[in-house]
Amino acid sequence: MMILVWFVVCIIFFLVQIILGNSGHALEVFALLTAIALFLISKLKKKIRIRNE
């Protein structure tokens, strides 16, 4: 699961860097998108765990 999180964070960082570059808001957008992605991964993990039980 940690590898999935690492890949997602790297992809988000890459996309934000391409789109916003050195903009002052790049860090805020990166933090927001990462938080949303981690939340969704957490929900997915719980959903898979419930199905397996």
N, C-alpha and C. Protein backbone atom coordinates (compact mmCIF):
# COMPACT_ATOMS: atom_id res chain seq x y z
N MET A 1 0.82 -1.19 0.00
CA MET A 1 0.00 0.00 0.00
C MET A 1 0.87 1.26 0.00
N MET A 2 2.02 1.19 0.67
CA MET A 2 2.90 2.36 0.72
C MET A 2 3.46 2.69 -0.67
N ILE A 3 3.68 1.67 -1.48
CA ILE A 3 4.18 1.91 -2.83
C ILE A 3 3.12 2.64 -3.65
N LEU A 4 1.86 2.26 -3.48
CA LEU A 4 0.76 2.95 -4.16
C LEU A 4 0.71 4.41 -3.75
N VAL A 5 0.81 4.68 -2.46
CA VAL A 5 0.80 6.06 -1.96
C VAL A 5 1.98 6.83 -2.54
N TRP A 6 3.15 6.21 -2.55
CA TRP A 6 4.34 6.89 -3.07
C TRP A 6 4.19 7.24 -4.54
N PHE A 7 3.67 6.30 -5.34
CA PHE A 7 3.45 6.56 -6.76
C PHE A 7 2.43 7.69 -6.97
N VAL A 8 1.35 7.66 -6.21
CA VAL A 8 0.32 8.69 -6.35
C VAL A 8 0.89 10.07 -6.02
N VAL A 9 1.64 10.17 -4.94
CA VAL A 9 2.23 11.45 -4.55
C VAL A 9 3.21 11.93 -5.60
N CYS A 10 4.02 11.05 -6.14
CA CYS A 10 4.97 11.44 -7.18
C CYS A 10 4.26 11.91 -8.45
N ILE A 11 3.20 11.24 -8.84
CA ILE A 11 2.46 11.64 -10.02
C ILE A 11 1.79 12.99 -9.81
N ILE A 12 1.20 13.20 -8.63
CA ILE A 12 0.58 14.49 -8.33
C ILE A 12 1.63 15.59 -8.36
N PHE A 13 2.79 15.34 -7.76
CA PHE A 13 3.86 16.35 -7.75
C PHE A 13 4.28 16.69 -9.18
N PHE A 14 4.45 15.67 -10.00
CA PHE A 14 4.86 15.88 -11.40
C PHE A 14 3.84 16.72 -12.15
N LEU A 15 2.56 16.39 -12.00
CA LEU A 15 1.51 17.13 -12.72
C LEU A 15 1.42 18.57 -12.25
N VAL A 16 1.49 18.79 -10.94
CA VAL A 16 1.43 20.16 -10.41
C VAL A 16 2.64 20.95 -10.89
N GLN A 17 3.80 20.33 -10.91
CA GLN A 17 5.01 21.02 -11.36
C GLN A 17 4.90 21.41 -12.83
N ILE A 18 4.33 20.54 -13.66
CA ILE A 18 4.16 20.85 -15.08
C ILE A 18 3.15 21.98 -15.27
N ILE A 19 2.02 21.87 -14.58
CA ILE A 19 0.94 22.84 -14.80
C ILE A 19 1.26 24.20 -14.19
N LEU A 20 1.71 24.23 -12.94
CA LEU A 20 1.91 25.50 -12.25
C LEU A 20 3.36 25.97 -12.23
N GLY A 21 4.29 25.07 -12.42
CA GLY A 21 5.70 25.46 -12.44
C GLY A 21 6.14 26.04 -11.10
N ASN A 22 6.74 27.21 -11.15
CA ASN A 22 7.23 27.86 -9.93
C ASN A 22 6.26 28.88 -9.38
N SER A 23 4.98 28.67 -9.65
CA SER A 23 3.96 29.57 -9.13
C SER A 23 3.94 29.52 -7.60
N GLY A 24 3.50 30.60 -7.01
CA GLY A 24 3.43 30.65 -5.55
C GLY A 24 2.39 29.73 -4.97
N HIS A 25 1.44 29.30 -5.78
CA HIS A 25 0.36 28.45 -5.28
C HIS A 25 0.60 26.98 -5.55
N ALA A 26 1.72 26.62 -6.13
CA ALA A 26 1.97 25.21 -6.47
C ALA A 26 2.01 24.33 -5.23
N LEU A 27 2.60 24.83 -4.16
CA LEU A 27 2.70 24.02 -2.94
C LEU A 27 1.32 23.79 -2.32
N GLU A 28 0.48 24.82 -2.32
CA GLU A 28 -0.87 24.66 -1.78
C GLU A 28 -1.70 23.69 -2.59
N VAL A 29 -1.61 23.77 -3.91
CA VAL A 29 -2.34 22.85 -4.78
C VAL A 29 -1.84 21.43 -4.59
N PHE A 30 -0.52 21.27 -4.51
CA PHE A 30 0.06 19.95 -4.28
C PHE A 30 -0.43 19.36 -2.95
N ALA A 31 -0.43 20.16 -1.88
CA ALA A 31 -0.88 19.69 -0.57
C ALA A 31 -2.35 19.30 -0.60
N LEU A 32 -3.18 20.10 -1.25
CA LEU A 32 -4.61 19.81 -1.33
C LEU A 32 -4.87 18.53 -2.12
N LEU A 33 -4.25 18.41 -3.28
CA LEU A 33 -4.46 17.22 -4.10
C LEU A 33 -3.93 15.96 -3.42
N THR A 34 -2.81 16.08 -2.72
CA THR A 34 -2.26 14.93 -2.00
C THR A 34 -3.18 14.51 -0.87
N ALA A 35 -3.73 15.47 -0.14
CA ALA A 35 -4.66 15.14 0.94
C ALA A 35 -5.90 14.44 0.41
N ILE A 36 -6.43 14.93 -0.71
CA ILE A 36 -7.61 14.29 -1.31
C ILE A 36 -7.27 12.87 -1.77
N ALA A 37 -6.13 12.70 -2.40
CA ALA A 37 -5.73 11.37 -2.88
C ALA A 37 -5.53 10.40 -1.72
N LEU A 38 -4.89 10.85 -0.64
CA LEU A 38 -4.68 9.97 0.52
C LEU A 38 -6.02 9.61 1.17
N PHE A 39 -6.94 10.55 1.21
CA PHE A 39 -8.27 10.27 1.74
C PHE A 39 -8.98 9.20 0.91
N LEU A 40 -8.90 9.34 -0.42
CA LEU A 40 -9.55 8.36 -1.29
C LEU A 40 -8.89 6.99 -1.21
N ILE A 41 -7.57 6.95 -1.08
CA ILE A 41 -6.88 5.68 -0.91
C ILE A 41 -7.29 5.02 0.41
N SER A 42 -7.44 5.82 1.44
CA SER A 42 -7.88 5.29 2.74
C SER A 42 -9.28 4.70 2.64
N LYS A 43 -10.18 5.42 1.95
CA LYS A 43 -11.55 4.91 1.78
C LYS A 43 -11.54 3.61 0.98
N LEU A 44 -10.72 3.56 -0.08
CA LEU A 44 -10.62 2.35 -0.90
C LEU A 44 -10.08 1.18 -0.09
N LYS A 45 -9.09 1.45 0.74
CA LYS A 45 -8.50 0.40 1.57
C LYS A 45 -9.53 -0.16 2.55
N LYS A 46 -10.33 0.71 3.16
CA LYS A 46 -11.37 0.25 4.09
C LYS A 46 -12.44 -0.54 3.36
N LYS A 47 -12.80 -0.10 2.14
CA LYS A 47 -13.81 -0.79 1.37
C LYS A 47 -13.35 -2.20 0.99
N ILE A 48 -12.09 -2.32 0.59
CA ILE A 48 -11.54 -3.63 0.24
C ILE A 48 -11.48 -4.52 1.47
N ARG A 49 -11.10 -3.95 2.63
CA ARG A 49 -11.01 -4.74 3.85
C ARG A 49 -12.39 -5.26 4.27
N ILE A 50 -13.45 -4.47 4.10
CA ILE A 50 -14.79 -4.90 4.46
C ILE A 50 -15.24 -6.02 3.55
N ARG A 51 -14.94 -5.94 2.25
CA ARG A 51 -15.32 -7.00 1.32
C ARG A 51 -14.66 -8.32 1.63
N ASN A 52 -13.43 -8.28 2.10
CA ASN A 52 -12.67 -9.51 2.36
C ASN A 52 -13.12 -10.20 3.64
N GLU A 53 -13.84 -9.51 4.47
CA GLU A 53 -14.27 -10.14 5.75
C GLU A 53 -15.57 -10.87 5.61
